[in-house]
Amino acid sequence: LVLNRFLYSHTESLFEEWQKLKAEKKLQSFNDMILSVHQAVLSPNNSLKTRLRAQYQYAIIDEFQDTNQLQWDIFRNVFLKDDEERVLNHSIYVVGDPKQSIYSFQGADVNVYKAAVEEIEKNGKRYTLKNNFRSTNGIIDGCNELFKEKFFDPAEGMPELIKFEGSRPPEGDNADKQKAAPKIGRSCPLPKTSNQNLPLPRLRRRVGRS
């Protein structure tokens, strides 16, 4: 308790000293880079947004479920809307799965994902991939069984963030493209090296020292 009070009472001064040190050393953290670009892109008199549009016509964002509000503001203003006016001759594509959003400690927010997808859909199209090409039937059935009940149900009084829809294996003309089940039980020999005859624990120690 005493330690917590000490940390809380000194957090503001530590942050100020940290900011001064970065300025003196001309250093930037990852968050500083995001904030700098965000400020520049949203500033009406900054040329960065114009230069980015001149250089890039398309934006493709993978793992979009891990995007935070600052990052979305940047891409939205460059490629989608500027002062609520549609950006002409530019397109943005996002790929994501809200069930896989795990970077909340970096500011990722499923609410940002939902709002962004809804806005993009109003100005374009939304596609849903329901067939899983990279998992075996056992994995697909197991995940569907695990999440089908109340796993994603919101707490009382909270809005629904994720509506779970089970995935399916490839169908029709793509049925033969399903990932094959792994073959269990086969041995995996070590590559031939000068240490081939060493016991495995000793081999690991020798490799660790090299």
Protein backbone atom coordinates (compact mmCIF):
# COMPACT_ATOMS: atom_id res chain seq x y z
CA LEU A 1 0.00 0.00 0.00
CA VAL A 2 2.82 2.41 0.91
CA LEU A 3 4.67 1.54 -2.30
CA ASN A 4 1.53 2.14 -4.38
CA ARG A 5 1.03 5.55 -2.80
CA PHE A 6 4.65 6.42 -3.50
CA LEU A 7 4.35 5.37 -7.15
CA TYR A 8 1.09 7.25 -7.65
CA SER A 9 2.46 10.41 -6.08
CA HIS A 10 5.55 10.39 -8.32
CA THR A 11 4.04 9.18 -11.60
CA GLU A 12 3.45 12.65 -13.00
CA SER A 13 6.96 13.92 -12.22
CA LEU A 14 8.54 10.73 -13.60
CA PHE A 15 6.57 11.11 -16.81
CA GLU A 16 7.70 14.73 -17.17
CA GLU A 17 11.34 13.73 -16.66
CA TRP A 18 10.94 10.92 -19.19
CA GLN A 19 9.56 13.37 -21.76
CA LYS A 20 12.44 15.80 -21.13
CA LEU A 21 15.03 13.04 -21.50
CA LYS A 22 13.58 11.91 -24.82
CA ALA A 23 13.55 15.47 -26.11
CA GLU A 24 17.17 16.05 -25.06
CA LYS A 25 18.37 12.78 -26.62
CA LYS A 26 16.12 13.16 -29.69
CA LEU A 27 14.47 9.82 -28.95
CA GLN A 28 10.96 8.58 -29.64
CA SER A 29 9.04 5.66 -28.24
CA PHE A 30 6.58 3.66 -30.34
CA ASN A 31 3.71 5.65 -28.83
CA ASP A 32 5.51 8.90 -29.61
CA MET A 33 5.70 7.94 -33.28
CA ILE A 34 1.99 7.15 -33.40
CA LEU A 35 1.11 10.40 -31.62
CA SER A 36 3.35 12.47 -33.90
CA VAL A 37 1.81 11.04 -37.07
CA HIS A 38 -1.69 11.35 -35.60
CA GLN A 39 -1.15 15.02 -34.77
CA ALA A 40 0.31 15.73 -38.22
CA VAL A 41 -2.40 13.92 -40.17
CA LEU A 42 -5.23 15.56 -38.24
CA SER A 43 -3.67 19.03 -38.45
CA PRO A 44 -5.29 21.11 -41.24
CA ASN A 45 -2.04 22.85 -42.20
CA ASN A 46 0.32 19.87 -42.24
CA SER A 47 1.54 18.50 -45.57
CA LEU A 48 2.07 14.90 -44.40
CA LYS A 49 -1.46 13.82 -45.29
CA THR A 50 -1.14 15.23 -48.81
CA ARG A 51 2.23 13.56 -49.31
CA LEU A 52 0.93 10.20 -48.11
CA ARG A 53 -2.01 10.36 -50.49
CA ALA A 54 0.28 11.24 -53.37
CA GLN A 55 2.50 8.24 -52.63
CA TYR A 56 -0.09 5.63 -51.60
CA GLN A 57 -3.45 5.00 -53.21
CA TYR A 58 -4.31 1.83 -51.31
CA ALA A 59 -3.96 0.77 -47.68
CA ILE A 60 -4.20 -2.85 -46.54
CA ILE A 61 -4.30 -3.52 -42.79
CA ASP A 62 -4.02 -7.09 -41.56
CA GLU A 63 -4.87 -8.13 -37.98
CA PHE A 64 -7.16 -5.13 -37.85
CA GLN A 65 -8.77 -6.31 -34.61
CA ASP A 66 -5.63 -5.11 -32.81
CA THR A 67 -5.92 -1.51 -34.04
CA ASN A 68 -6.35 1.30 -31.55
CA GLN A 69 -8.22 4.58 -32.01
CA LEU A 70 -5.14 6.66 -32.87
CA GLN A 71 -4.05 4.24 -35.58
CA TRP A 72 -7.53 4.12 -37.09
CA ASP A 73 -7.78 7.93 -37.06
CA ILE A 74 -4.59 8.09 -39.14
CA PHE A 75 -5.71 5.64 -41.81
CA ARG A 76 -9.27 6.96 -41.85
CA ASN A 77 -8.17 10.53 -42.53
CA VAL A 78 -5.67 9.56 -45.20
CA PHE A 79 -7.67 6.97 -47.13
CA LEU A 80 -11.36 7.16 -46.25
CA LYS A 81 -12.72 10.46 -44.97
CA ASP A 82 -11.28 13.90 -44.37
CA ASP A 83 -13.49 16.34 -42.44
CA GLU A 84 -16.33 13.90 -43.15
CA GLU A 85 -15.77 14.23 -46.90
CA ARG A 86 -15.00 11.04 -48.82
CA VAL A 87 -11.37 10.81 -49.99
CA LEU A 88 -11.54 10.27 -53.74
CA ASN A 89 -9.46 7.74 -55.70
CA HIS A 90 -8.19 6.03 -52.56
CA SER A 91 -9.19 2.72 -50.97
CA ILE A 92 -8.64 0.98 -47.67
CA TYR A 93 -8.88 -2.76 -47.01
CA VAL A 94 -8.93 -4.24 -43.52
CA VAL A 95 -8.70 -7.90 -42.52
CA GLY A 96 -9.44 -9.01 -39.00
CA ASP A 97 -11.25 -11.26 -36.55
CA PRO A 98 -12.61 -9.62 -33.38
CA LYS A 99 -12.38 -12.94 -31.51
CA GLN A 100 -8.59 -12.68 -31.79
CA SER A 101 -8.24 -9.19 -30.31
CA ILE A 102 -5.57 -9.64 -27.61
CA TYR A 103 -3.62 -6.36 -27.62
CA SER A 104 -5.75 -4.30 -25.26
CA PHE A 105 -2.57 -3.54 -23.27
CA GLN A 106 -1.45 -1.53 -26.32
CA GLY A 107 -4.79 0.22 -26.69
CA ALA A 108 -6.44 -2.22 -29.10
CA ASP A 109 -10.20 -1.91 -28.77
CA VAL A 110 -12.87 -4.12 -30.33
CA ASN A 111 -15.19 -1.08 -30.29
CA VAL A 112 -12.77 0.64 -32.69
CA TYR A 113 -12.85 -2.44 -34.93
CA LYS A 114 -16.66 -2.52 -34.98
CA ALA A 115 -17.07 1.20 -35.67
CA ALA A 116 -14.43 1.16 -38.40
CA VAL A 117 -15.89 -1.88 -40.16
CA GLU A 118 -19.37 -0.32 -40.09
CA GLU A 119 -18.04 2.91 -41.58
CA ILE A 120 -16.08 1.10 -44.27
CA GLU A 121 -19.14 -0.98 -45.11
CA LYS A 122 -21.19 2.18 -45.69
CA ASN A 123 -18.64 3.28 -48.26
CA GLY A 124 -17.77 -0.09 -49.75
CA LYS A 125 -18.31 -3.81 -49.20
CA ARG A 126 -17.86 -6.34 -46.43
CA TYR A 127 -16.84 -9.95 -47.03
CA THR A 128 -16.95 -12.76 -44.48
CA LEU A 129 -14.74 -15.82 -44.80
CA LYS A 130 -16.72 -18.64 -43.22
CA ASN A 131 -14.65 -21.52 -44.53
CA ASN A 132 -11.50 -22.40 -42.61
CA PHE A 133 -8.72 -23.60 -44.92
CA ARG A 134 -5.91 -23.95 -42.40
CA SER A 135 -7.40 -26.14 -39.67
CA THR A 136 -8.43 -29.78 -39.52
CA ASN A 137 -12.00 -30.86 -38.87
CA GLY A 138 -11.14 -31.67 -35.27
CA ILE A 139 -9.88 -28.15 -34.59
CA ILE A 140 -12.85 -26.54 -36.36
CA ASP A 141 -15.41 -28.66 -34.50
CA GLY A 142 -13.64 -28.16 -31.18
CA CYS A 143 -13.53 -24.36 -31.50
CA ASN A 144 -17.16 -24.20 -32.61
CA GLU A 145 -18.18 -26.31 -29.61
CA LEU A 146 -16.10 -24.24 -27.18
CA PHE A 147 -17.38 -20.83 -28.26
CA LYS A 148 -20.97 -21.58 -29.29
CA GLU A 149 -22.58 -21.14 -25.88
CA LYS A 150 -22.15 -17.98 -23.79
CA PHE A 151 -18.41 -17.44 -24.15
CA PHE A 152 -18.78 -14.03 -25.80
CA ASP A 153 -21.97 -12.92 -24.06
CA PRO A 154 -21.51 -9.41 -22.60
CA ALA A 155 -21.77 -8.72 -18.91
CA GLU A 156 -25.04 -7.30 -17.67
CA GLY A 157 -25.55 -3.76 -18.93
CA MET A 158 -22.69 -3.97 -21.42
CA PRO A 159 -23.09 -3.87 -25.24
CA GLU A 160 -22.49 -6.93 -27.38
CA LEU A 161 -19.04 -6.74 -28.95
CA ILE A 162 -18.73 -10.08 -30.71
CA LYS A 163 -21.40 -12.24 -32.30
CA PHE A 164 -19.91 -15.70 -32.70
CA GLU A 165 -20.49 -17.58 -35.93
CA GLY A 166 -19.04 -21.05 -36.27
CA SER A 167 -16.59 -21.71 -39.10
CA ARG A 168 -16.83 -24.52 -41.63
CA PRO A 169 -14.27 -26.59 -43.53
CA PRO A 170 -13.80 -25.95 -47.26
CA GLU A 171 -16.80 -26.92 -49.36
CA GLY A 172 -17.69 -27.58 -52.99
CA ASP A 173 -14.84 -27.09 -55.44
CA ASN A 174 -12.53 -26.18 -52.54
CA ALA A 175 -13.20 -29.31 -50.48
CA ASP A 176 -9.87 -30.84 -51.45
CA LYS A 177 -7.96 -27.77 -50.24
CA GLN A 178 -8.46 -28.49 -46.55
CA LYS A 179 -5.35 -28.77 -44.41
CA ALA A 180 -4.32 -32.37 -43.86
CA ALA A 181 -4.23 -33.74 -40.34
CA PRO A 182 -0.69 -34.12 -38.93
CA LYS A 183 0.83 -37.59 -38.84
CA ILE A 184 1.54 -38.50 -35.25
CA GLY A 185 4.09 -41.05 -34.10
CA ARG A 186 6.88 -40.68 -36.61
CA SER A 187 10.35 -40.01 -35.25
CA CYS A 188 12.16 -36.85 -36.22
CA PRO A 189 15.93 -37.58 -36.47
CA LEU A 190 18.45 -34.90 -35.58
CA PRO A 191 20.49 -33.51 -38.46
CA LYS A 192 23.94 -35.00 -38.85
CA THR A 193 26.56 -32.82 -37.17
CA SER A 194 29.93 -33.27 -35.49
CA ASN A 195 27.99 -33.52 -32.23
CA GLN A 196 25.71 -36.30 -33.51
CA ASN A 197 26.81 -38.83 -30.90
CA LEU A 198 26.53 -36.52 -27.89
CA PRO A 199 23.67 -37.13 -25.45
CA LEU A 200 20.88 -34.62 -26.10
CA PRO A 201 21.19 -32.66 -22.79
CA ARG A 202 24.92 -32.25 -23.35
CA LEU A 203 24.33 -31.20 -26.95
CA ARG A 204 21.94 -28.49 -25.76
CA ARG A 205 24.48 -27.14 -23.29
CA ARG A 206 27.23 -27.05 -25.90
CA VAL A 207 24.96 -25.30 -28.43
CA GLY A 208 23.98 -22.78 -25.77
CA ARG A 209 27.59 -21.76 -25.19
CA SER A 210 28.47 -21.27 -28.87
